[in-house]
Amino acid sequence: MAHIIPRWEWRTFGESFGPADQRFKSLSPRDVEDSDEVYLLSPTVDENVKIRNQLVDIKALQQVNADGLEQWKPVMKAGFPLSSADVPKVFEALRVTTPSLARASYTLEQLIEELVKPAGRLRTVTVRKKRARYRLDECAAEMAEVAADGKNVRTVAVESEDPAAVITTVRGLGLGRFENVSYPRGLKRLVGMAR
């Protein structure tokens, strides 16, 4: 991948976000996007491995700062069919032993049906998102509706390369009392997989 600067992220899940709901309602989003995604969730780690638009997208947690912000770095984006050289990266990110590979490349269906499901350690979660994106101060922000395996929740997020800007924006939105919860952790809680 090209040189990527990791971003600091803050996110939470819930039904209502108090003053933040009113603030977002007063703004016009930069864009609104619907997407269908598949997350691969591990019972032992909370790494971010998802499939969207026929791409495997892996982000690795780099560090957590004193304010509880998480710094995530994209480490892989690869399209399907996924080469046998890239398949182990998926399992390594999720801290699961890579199954024996019988193909030179795998379609999405083959990856799930032949490798993920038989391994029995990972869970695939189908996610539908409707995301409204905003710019707040120096940060990217989003308010989204999420449906995962038939369960619904809302999520709000703020991110930037500058952690001070993120925490200032989070507090300015009145979200400081909410827990910072990454997408993998939030989805695990939603589908009853939380450790």
C-alpha atoms as a PDB file:
ATOM      1  CA  MET A   1       0.000   0.000   0.000  1.00  0.00           C
ATOM      2  CA  ALA A   2       1.066   3.604  -0.536  1.00  0.00           C
ATOM      3  CA  HIS A   3       2.302   5.530   2.504  1.00  0.00           C
ATOM      4  CA  ILE A   4      -0.666   5.977   4.812  1.00  0.00           C
ATOM      5  CA  ILE A   5      -0.743   8.135   7.926  1.00  0.00           C
ATOM      6  CA  PRO A   6      -2.662   6.342  10.700  1.00  0.00           C
ATOM      7  CA  ARG A   7      -5.784   8.122  11.926  1.00  0.00           C
ATOM      8  CA  TRP A   8      -7.037   8.550  15.466  1.00  0.00           C
ATOM      9  CA  GLU A   9     -10.609   7.378  15.817  1.00  0.00           C
ATOM     10  CA  TRP A  10     -13.388   7.727  18.354  1.00  0.00           C
ATOM     11  CA  ARG A  11     -16.695   5.908  17.895  1.00  0.00           C
ATOM     12  CA  THR A  12     -19.626   4.842  19.979  1.00  0.00           C
ATOM     13  CA  PHE A  13     -22.826   2.879  19.437  1.00  0.00           C
ATOM     14  CA  GLY A  14     -26.314   3.480  20.813  1.00  0.00           C
ATOM     15  CA  GLU A  15     -29.824   4.714  20.129  1.00  0.00           C
ATOM     16  CA  SER A  16     -29.462   8.353  21.180  1.00  0.00           C
ATOM     17  CA  PHE A  17     -26.491  10.701  21.476  1.00  0.00           C
ATOM     18  CA  GLY A  18     -28.016  13.727  23.225  1.00  0.00           C
ATOM     19  CA  PRO A  19     -26.721  17.127  22.040  1.00  0.00           C
ATOM     20  CA  ALA A  20     -24.721  15.468  19.244  1.00  0.00           C
ATOM     21  CA  ASP A  21     -27.956  14.377  17.546  1.00  0.00           C
ATOM     22  CA  GLN A  22     -29.145  17.985  17.421  1.00  0.00           C
ATOM     23  CA  ARG A  23     -25.778  19.235  16.176  1.00  0.00           C
ATOM     24  CA  PHE A  24     -25.695  16.756  13.303  1.00  0.00           C
ATOM     25  CA  LYS A  25     -29.324  17.537  12.405  1.00  0.00           C
ATOM     26  CA  SER A  26     -28.350  21.195  12.029  1.00  0.00           C
ATOM     27  CA  LEU A  27     -25.617  20.342   9.499  1.00  0.00           C
ATOM     28  CA  SER A  28     -25.725  19.300   5.873  1.00  0.00           C
ATOM     29  CA  PRO A  29     -23.751  16.114   5.250  1.00  0.00           C
ATOM     30  CA  ARG A  30     -20.920  16.155   2.743  1.00  0.00           C
ATOM     31  CA  ASP A  31     -22.307  12.899   1.373  1.00  0.00           C
ATOM     32  CA  VAL A  32     -24.544   9.987   2.293  1.00  0.00           C
ATOM     33  CA  GLU A  33     -23.603   6.422   1.389  1.00  0.00           C
ATOM     34  CA  ASP A  34     -25.331   3.055   1.667  1.00  0.00           C
ATOM     35  CA  SER A  35     -23.054   0.039   1.737  1.00  0.00           C
ATOM     36  CA  ASP A  36     -23.221  -3.705   2.242  1.00  0.00           C
ATOM     37  CA  GLU A  37     -20.232  -5.184   4.041  1.00  0.00           C
ATOM     38  CA  VAL A  38     -19.066  -8.397   5.645  1.00  0.00           C
ATOM     39  CA  TYR A  39     -16.978  -8.233   8.811  1.00  0.00           C
ATOM     40  CA  LEU A  40     -14.836 -11.133   9.948  1.00  0.00           C
ATOM     41  CA  LEU A  41     -14.821 -11.202  13.740  1.00  0.00           C
ATOM     42  CA  SER A  42     -12.389 -13.093  15.935  1.00  0.00           C
ATOM     43  CA  PRO A  43     -13.261 -14.304  19.439  1.00  0.00           C
ATOM     44  CA  THR A  44      -9.841 -13.245  20.755  1.00  0.00           C
ATOM     45  CA  VAL A  45      -8.908  -9.924  19.099  1.00  0.00           C
ATOM     46  CA  ASP A  46     -10.709  -6.819  17.876  1.00  0.00           C
ATOM     47  CA  GLU A  47      -8.843  -6.193  14.622  1.00  0.00           C
ATOM     48  CA  ASN A  48     -10.821  -4.582  11.814  1.00  0.00           C
ATOM     49  CA  VAL A  49     -11.206  -6.962   8.849  1.00  0.00           C
ATOM     50  CA  LYS A  50     -14.043  -6.205   6.468  1.00  0.00           C
ATOM     51  CA  ILE A  51     -15.090  -6.847   2.890  1.00  0.00           C
ATOM     52  CA  ARG A  52     -16.680  -3.994   0.970  1.00  0.00           C
ATOM     53  CA  ASN A  53     -17.010  -3.406  -2.772  1.00  0.00           C
ATOM     54  CA  GLN A  54     -15.228  -6.702  -3.482  1.00  0.00           C
ATOM     55  CA  LEU A  55     -12.164  -5.580  -1.483  1.00  0.00           C
ATOM     56  CA  VAL A  56     -10.698  -7.055   1.692  1.00  0.00           C
ATOM     57  CA  ASP A  57      -9.870  -4.081   3.912  1.00  0.00           C
ATOM     58  CA  ILE A  58      -7.703  -4.654   7.001  1.00  0.00           C
ATOM     59  CA  LYS A  59      -6.925  -1.972   9.582  1.00  0.00           C
ATOM     60  CA  ALA A  60      -4.577  -2.686  12.471  1.00  0.00           C
ATOM     61  CA  LEU A  61      -4.769  -1.011  15.854  1.00  0.00           C
ATOM     62  CA  GLN A  62      -1.493   0.849  16.425  1.00  0.00           C
ATOM     63  CA  GLN A  63      -2.003   2.333  19.875  1.00  0.00           C
ATOM     64  CA  VAL A  64      -4.473   3.760  22.383  1.00  0.00           C
ATOM     65  CA  ASN A  65      -3.721   7.151  23.952  1.00  0.00           C
ATOM     66  CA  ALA A  66      -4.469   8.546  27.425  1.00  0.00           C
ATOM     67  CA  ASP A  67      -7.868   9.868  26.230  1.00  0.00           C
ATOM     68  CA  GLY A  68      -8.835   6.373  25.044  1.00  0.00           C
ATOM     69  CA  LEU A  69      -8.579   7.279  21.356  1.00  0.00           C
ATOM     70  CA  GLU A  70      -7.518   4.459  19.070  1.00  0.00           C
ATOM     71  CA  GLN A  71      -5.023   4.921  16.253  1.00  0.00           C
ATOM     72  CA  TRP A  72      -5.805   2.637  13.290  1.00  0.00           C
ATOM     73  CA  LYS A  73      -3.670   2.078  10.218  1.00  0.00           C
ATOM     74  CA  PRO A  74      -4.846   0.487   6.949  1.00  0.00           C
ATOM     75  CA  VAL A  75      -2.483  -2.408   6.266  1.00  0.00           C
ATOM     76  CA  MET A  76      -4.150  -4.187   3.345  1.00  0.00           C
ATOM     77  CA  LYS A  77      -6.659  -3.574   0.582  1.00  0.00           C
ATOM     78  CA  ALA A  78      -6.890  -6.393  -1.915  1.00  0.00           C
ATOM     79  CA  GLY A  79      -9.522  -7.310  -4.459  1.00  0.00           C
ATOM     80  CA  PHE A  80     -11.155 -10.600  -5.292  1.00  0.00           C
ATOM     81  CA  PRO A  81     -10.181 -13.083  -6.401  1.00  0.00           C
ATOM     82  CA  LEU A  82      -7.837 -12.938  -3.404  1.00  0.00           C
ATOM     83  CA  SER A  83      -4.434 -14.459  -4.117  1.00  0.00           C
ATOM     84  CA  SER A  84      -3.155 -17.295  -1.966  1.00  0.00           C
ATOM     85  CA  ALA A  85      -0.318 -14.937  -0.950  1.00  0.00           C
ATOM     86  CA  ASP A  86      -2.877 -12.487   0.523  1.00  0.00           C
ATOM     87  CA  VAL A  87      -5.200 -15.020   2.190  1.00  0.00           C
ATOM     88  CA  PRO A  88      -2.849 -15.654   5.161  1.00  0.00           C
ATOM     89  CA  LYS A  89      -2.851 -11.918   5.940  1.00  0.00           C
ATOM     90  CA  VAL A  90      -6.576 -12.132   6.703  1.00  0.00           C
ATOM     91  CA  PHE A  91      -6.131 -14.959   9.197  1.00  0.00           C
ATOM     92  CA  GLU A  92      -2.973 -13.459  10.702  1.00  0.00           C
ATOM     93  CA  ALA A  93      -4.789 -10.175  11.382  1.00  0.00           C
ATOM     94  CA  LEU A  94      -7.463 -12.110  13.270  1.00  0.00           C
ATOM     95  CA  ARG A  95      -4.863 -14.237  15.129  1.00  0.00           C
ATOM     96  CA  VAL A  96      -6.195 -17.489  13.698  1.00  0.00           C
ATOM     97  CA  THR A  97      -4.146 -20.230  12.036  1.00  0.00           C
ATOM     98  CA  THR A  98      -4.422 -20.075   8.260  1.00  0.00           C
ATOM     99  CA  PRO A  99      -6.118 -23.203   6.869  1.00  0.00           C
ATOM    100  CA  SER A 100      -4.419 -25.227   4.136  1.00  0.00           C
ATOM    101  CA  LEU A 101      -4.823 -23.472   0.806  1.00  0.00           C
ATOM    102  CA  ALA A 102      -5.826 -25.586  -2.185  1.00  0.00           C
ATOM    103  CA  ARG A 103      -6.252 -22.774  -4.715  1.00  0.00           C
ATOM    104  CA  ALA A 104      -4.043 -20.122  -6.298  1.00  0.00           C
ATOM    105  CA  SER A 105      -6.781 -17.558  -5.580  1.00  0.00           C
ATOM    106  CA  TYR A 106     -10.158 -17.368  -3.858  1.00  0.00           C
ATOM    107  CA  THR A 107     -13.429 -15.658  -4.687  1.00  0.00           C
ATOM    108  CA  LEU A 108     -15.314 -14.085  -1.781  1.00  0.00           C
ATOM    109  CA  GLU A 109     -17.631 -17.103  -1.640  1.00  0.00           C
ATOM    110  CA  GLN A 110     -14.702 -19.549  -1.648  1.00  0.00           C
ATOM    111  CA  LEU A 111     -12.902 -17.614   1.087  1.00  0.00           C
ATOM    112  CA  ILE A 112     -15.973 -17.738   3.339  1.00  0.00           C
ATOM    113  CA  GLU A 113     -17.260 -21.229   2.531  1.00  0.00           C
ATOM    114  CA  GLU A 114     -13.962 -23.098   2.143  1.00  0.00           C
ATOM    115  CA  LEU A 115     -11.702 -21.330   4.638  1.00  0.00           C
ATOM    116  CA  VAL A 116     -13.519 -19.132   7.172  1.00  0.00           C
ATOM    117  CA  LYS A 117     -16.546 -21.284   8.064  1.00  0.00           C
ATOM    118  CA  PRO A 118     -14.757 -24.663   8.275  1.00  0.00           C
ATOM    119  CA  ALA A 119     -12.076 -23.185  10.557  1.00  0.00           C
ATOM    120  CA  GLY A 120     -14.870 -22.603  13.077  1.00  0.00           C
ATOM    121  CA  ARG A 121     -13.123 -19.809  14.975  1.00  0.00           C
ATOM    122  CA  LEU A 122     -14.285 -16.743  13.058  1.00  0.00           C
ATOM    123  CA  ARG A 123     -17.734 -15.301  12.629  1.00  0.00           C
ATOM    124  CA  THR A 124     -18.947 -13.565   9.495  1.00  0.00           C
ATOM    125  CA  VAL A 125     -21.371 -10.728  10.109  1.00  0.00           C
ATOM    126  CA  THR A 126     -23.313  -9.151   7.254  1.00  0.00           C
ATOM    127  CA  VAL A 127     -23.608  -5.418   7.812  1.00  0.00           C
ATOM    128  CA  ARG A 128     -25.725  -2.800   6.058  1.00  0.00           C
ATOM    129  CA  LYS A 129     -24.671   0.785   6.705  1.00  0.00           C
ATOM    130  CA  LYS A 130     -26.238   4.130   5.877  1.00  0.00           C
ATOM    131  CA  ARG A 131     -23.554   6.708   6.632  1.00  0.00           C
ATOM    132  CA  ALA A 132     -23.860  10.495   6.576  1.00  0.00           C
ATOM    133  CA  ARG A 133     -20.409  12.128   6.540  1.00  0.00           C
ATOM    134  CA  TYR A 134     -19.576  15.577   7.872  1.00  0.00           C
ATOM    135  CA  ARG A 135     -16.609  17.863   8.418  1.00  0.00           C
ATOM    136  CA  LEU A 136     -16.400  19.258  11.946  1.00  0.00           C
ATOM    137  CA  ASP A 137     -13.510  21.606  12.617  1.00  0.00           C
ATOM    138  CA  GLU A 138     -10.413  19.638  11.545  1.00  0.00           C
ATOM    139  CA  CYS A 139     -12.093  16.242  11.801  1.00  0.00           C
ATOM    140  CA  ALA A 140     -14.076  13.877   9.652  1.00  0.00           C
ATOM    141  CA  ALA A 141     -17.270  12.771  11.374  1.00  0.00           C
ATOM    142  CA  GLU A 142     -20.122  10.443  10.587  1.00  0.00           C
ATOM    143  CA  MET A 143     -23.525   9.483  11.876  1.00  0.00           C
ATOM    144  CA  ALA A 144     -24.651   6.069  10.677  1.00  0.00           C
ATOM    145  CA  GLU A 145     -27.452   3.559  10.918  1.00  0.00           C
ATOM    146  CA  VAL A 146     -26.181  -0.009  11.086  1.00  0.00           C
ATOM    147  CA  ALA A 147     -28.021  -3.302  10.598  1.00  0.00           C
ATOM    148  CA  ALA A 148     -26.022  -6.432  11.462  1.00  0.00           C
ATOM    149  CA  ASP A 149     -27.490  -9.927  11.334  1.00  0.00           C
ATOM    150  CA  GLY A 150     -30.979  -8.493  11.771  1.00  0.00           C
ATOM    151  CA  LYS A 151     -30.129  -6.164  14.678  1.00  0.00           C
ATOM    152  CA  ASN A 152     -30.099  -2.377  14.380  1.00  0.00           C
ATOM    153  CA  VAL A 153     -28.042   0.302  16.082  1.00  0.00           C
ATOM    154  CA  ARG A 154     -26.756   3.808  15.441  1.00  0.00           C
ATOM    155  CA  THR A 155     -23.139   4.880  15.582  1.00  0.00           C
ATOM    156  CA  VAL A 156     -21.352   8.216  15.636  1.00  0.00           C
ATOM    157  CA  ALA A 157     -17.645   8.679  14.912  1.00  0.00           C
ATOM    158  CA  VAL A 158     -14.956  11.372  14.790  1.00  0.00           C
ATOM    159  CA  GLU A 159     -11.494  10.867  13.284  1.00  0.00           C
ATOM    160  CA  SER A 160      -8.371  12.765  12.304  1.00  0.00           C
ATOM    161  CA  GLU A 161      -4.607  12.398  12.125  1.00  0.00           C
ATOM    162  CA  ASP A 162      -4.518  14.830  15.095  1.00  0.00           C
ATOM    163  CA  PRO A 163      -5.680  13.221  18.366  1.00  0.00           C
ATOM    164  CA  ALA A 164      -6.125  16.580  20.106  1.00  0.00           C
ATOM    165  CA  ALA A 165      -8.578  17.665  17.404  1.00  0.00           C
ATOM    166  CA  VAL A 166     -10.542  14.428  17.795  1.00  0.00           C
ATOM    167  CA  ILE A 167     -10.968  14.641  21.565  1.00  0.00           C
ATOM    168  CA  THR A 168     -11.804  18.369  21.382  1.00  0.00           C
ATOM    169  CA  THR A 169     -14.524  17.660  18.803  1.00  0.00           C
ATOM    170  CA  VAL A 170     -15.873  14.670  20.771  1.00  0.00           C
ATOM    171  CA  ARG A 171     -16.171  16.760  23.923  1.00  0.00           C
ATOM    172  CA  GLY A 172     -17.626  19.703  21.983  1.00  0.00           C
ATOM    173  CA  LEU A 173     -20.387  17.415  20.719  1.00  0.00           C
ATOM    174  CA  GLY A 174     -21.214  16.382  24.282  1.00  0.00           C
ATOM    175  CA  LEU A 175     -20.041  12.831  23.651  1.00  0.00           C
ATOM    176  CA  GLY A 176     -17.337  12.704  26.311  1.00  0.00           C
ATOM    177  CA  ARG A 177     -19.485  10.551  28.626  1.00  0.00           C
ATOM    178  CA  PHE A 178     -19.799   7.780  26.013  1.00  0.00           C
ATOM    179  CA  GLU A 179     -17.362   4.881  25.733  1.00  0.00           C
ATOM    180  CA  ASN A 180     -15.055   4.715  22.700  1.00  0.00           C
ATOM    181  CA  VAL A 181     -15.972   1.454  20.931  1.00  0.00           C
ATOM    182  CA  SER A 182     -14.352   0.267  17.691  1.00  0.00           C
ATOM    183  CA  TYR A 183     -16.451  -1.256  14.897  1.00  0.00           C
ATOM    184  CA  PRO A 184     -15.369  -4.830  15.652  1.00  0.00           C
ATOM    185  CA  ARG A 185     -16.167  -4.473  19.366  1.00  0.00           C
ATOM    186  CA  GLY A 186     -19.470  -2.744  18.647  1.00  0.00           C
ATOM    187  CA  LEU A 187     -20.532  -5.457  16.221  1.00  0.00           C
ATOM    188  CA  LYS A 188     -19.546  -8.196  18.655  1.00  0.00           C
ATOM    189  CA  ARG A 189     -21.731  -6.628  21.326  1.00  0.00           C
ATOM    190  CA  LEU A 190     -24.604  -6.212  18.899  1.00  0.00           C
ATOM    191  CA  VAL A 191     -24.583  -9.842  17.747  1.00  0.00           C
ATOM    192  CA  GLY A 192     -23.893 -11.321  21.200  1.00  0.00           C
ATOM    193  CA  MET A 193     -20.259 -12.244  20.611  1.00  0.00           C
ATOM    194  CA  ALA A 194     -18.627  -9.894  23.141  1.00  0.00           C
ATOM    195  CA  ARG A 195     -15.902 -11.408  25.305  1.00  0.00           C
END
